Amino acid sequence: MAAKKTKPAPKVKPTQKSPVKVAKKGTPRVPPMHGKVNHPELDDGESEGDETFEIFKSFDRDGSGSIDRGELARLLEALGQPNDDDELSMALDVVDANGSGRISWAEFKAWWLDR
């Protein structure tokens, strides 16, 4: 009895390009928080390799170049600090020297080295 030949399945072309880039097979996926932050304030060349800068980057989860209220909550939690709404507001007021609602690298560095 002869084996029945089957045609390979036709290749389906996607109807629209996916906005998500897929890494090539074998390429390690790196979370965005570990990527280079493209922020003029951080491109002074002095920050790379600095332990304080690495801490800043690890809590700047969205890679925006600053730490927002939610990211500050995670930072305080990691430091074992109270994390209720009042404590978080007071901490943001202390660290966010310019009152922007976000902690810049310069503000974080000044606070971290002074604590």
Protein backbone atom coordinates (compact mmCIF):
# COMPACT_ATOMS: atom_id res chain seq x y z
CA MET A 1 0.00 0.00 0.00
CA ALA A 2 1.43 3.36 -1.04
CA ALA A 3 1.64 6.21 1.45
CA LYS A 4 -0.79 9.01 0.79
CA LYS A 5 0.96 12.31 -0.03
CA THR A 6 -0.37 15.41 1.69
CA LYS A 7 0.23 18.99 0.74
CA PRO A 8 1.91 21.21 3.32
CA ALA A 9 -0.37 23.78 4.94
CA PRO A 10 -0.31 27.11 3.11
CA LYS A 11 1.52 29.96 4.80
CA VAL A 12 -0.86 32.52 6.19
CA LYS A 13 0.14 36.16 5.89
CA PRO A 14 -0.86 38.39 8.79
CA THR A 15 -3.42 41.03 7.88
CA GLN A 16 -1.64 43.72 9.85
CA LYS A 17 1.72 44.08 11.53
CA SER A 18 1.84 43.43 15.24
CA PRO A 19 3.00 46.42 17.33
CA VAL A 20 4.89 44.03 19.60
CA LYS A 21 8.42 43.19 18.55
CA VAL A 22 9.29 39.56 19.07
CA ALA A 23 12.85 38.65 19.97
CA LYS A 24 14.62 36.23 17.67
CA LYS A 25 14.85 32.67 18.89
CA GLY A 26 17.69 32.34 21.39
CA THR A 27 17.79 36.06 22.20
CA PRO A 28 17.30 36.70 25.91
CA ARG A 29 14.36 38.94 26.76
CA VAL A 30 15.34 41.86 28.94
CA PRO A 31 12.71 43.67 31.01
CA PRO A 32 12.36 47.37 30.10
CA MET A 33 13.51 48.48 33.54
CA HIS A 34 17.01 47.23 32.74
CA GLY A 35 17.26 48.95 29.40
CA LYS A 36 19.09 52.22 28.86
CA VAL A 37 16.93 55.11 29.92
CA ASN A 38 16.85 57.78 27.22
CA HIS A 39 16.61 60.86 29.35
CA PRO A 40 18.91 63.90 28.92
CA GLU A 41 19.34 64.28 32.66
CA LEU A 42 20.76 60.76 32.87
CA ASP A 43 23.13 60.97 29.91
CA ASP A 44 25.92 62.76 31.75
CA GLY A 45 28.22 59.73 31.48
CA GLU A 46 28.97 59.83 35.20
CA SER A 47 25.99 57.67 36.17
CA GLU A 48 26.83 54.44 34.33
CA GLY A 49 28.15 51.77 36.67
CA ASP A 50 27.23 53.83 39.73
CA GLU A 51 25.49 51.66 42.36
CA THR A 52 23.04 54.46 43.22
CA PHE A 53 22.13 54.82 39.54
CA GLU A 54 21.56 51.06 39.27
CA ILE A 55 19.17 51.26 42.25
CA PHE A 56 17.37 54.18 40.60
CA LYS A 57 17.01 52.26 37.32
CA SER A 58 15.71 49.17 39.08
CA PHE A 59 12.84 51.15 40.61
CA ASP A 60 12.17 53.23 37.48
CA ARG A 61 10.24 50.27 36.10
CA ASP A 62 8.75 52.10 33.11
CA GLY A 63 12.10 53.55 32.01
CA SER A 64 10.77 57.12 32.06
CA GLY A 65 13.87 58.58 33.73
CA SER A 66 11.97 59.34 36.92
CA ILE A 67 10.27 57.50 39.76
CA ASP A 68 6.52 58.00 40.06
CA ARG A 69 4.31 57.48 43.12
CA GLY A 70 3.73 53.76 42.47
CA GLU A 71 7.42 53.11 41.88
CA LEU A 72 8.22 55.02 45.09
CA ALA A 73 5.77 52.77 46.95
CA ARG A 74 7.73 49.71 45.74
CA LEU A 75 11.00 51.35 46.78
CA LEU A 76 9.73 52.13 50.28
CA GLU A 77 8.38 48.59 50.58
CA ALA A 78 11.80 47.20 49.62
CA LEU A 79 13.37 49.40 52.32
CA GLY A 80 10.89 48.09 54.90
CA GLN A 81 9.21 51.48 55.35
CA PRO A 82 5.51 52.00 56.11
CA ASN A 83 3.60 52.18 52.87
CA ASP A 84 0.19 53.66 53.65
CA ASP A 85 -1.14 56.64 51.67
CA ASP A 86 -0.10 59.28 54.23
CA GLU A 87 3.44 57.93 54.58
CA LEU A 88 3.79 57.70 50.81
CA SER A 89 2.63 61.31 50.37
CA MET A 90 5.09 62.53 53.01
CA ALA A 91 7.95 60.58 51.40
CA LEU A 92 7.13 61.98 47.97
CA ASP A 93 7.05 65.52 49.41
CA VAL A 94 10.48 65.00 51.00
CA VAL A 95 12.24 63.44 48.01
CA ASP A 96 10.49 65.35 45.18
CA ALA A 97 12.22 68.69 45.80
CA ASN A 98 10.64 70.52 42.84
CA GLY A 99 7.10 69.27 43.56
CA SER A 100 6.59 67.73 40.10
CA GLY A 101 5.04 64.54 41.47
CA ARG A 102 7.92 62.50 40.06
CA ILE A 103 11.39 61.88 41.47
CA SER A 104 14.13 62.75 39.00
CA TRP A 105 17.57 61.15 39.02
CA ALA A 106 19.08 64.27 40.63
CA GLU A 107 16.42 64.29 43.38
CA PHE A 108 16.83 60.56 43.99
CA LYS A 109 20.63 60.80 44.13
CA ALA A 110 20.56 63.71 46.59
CA TRP A 111 18.07 61.85 48.83
CA TRP A 112 19.78 58.47 48.60
CA LEU A 113 23.25 59.78 49.43
CA ASP A 114 21.90 61.96 52.28
CA ARG A 115 19.88 59.28 54.03
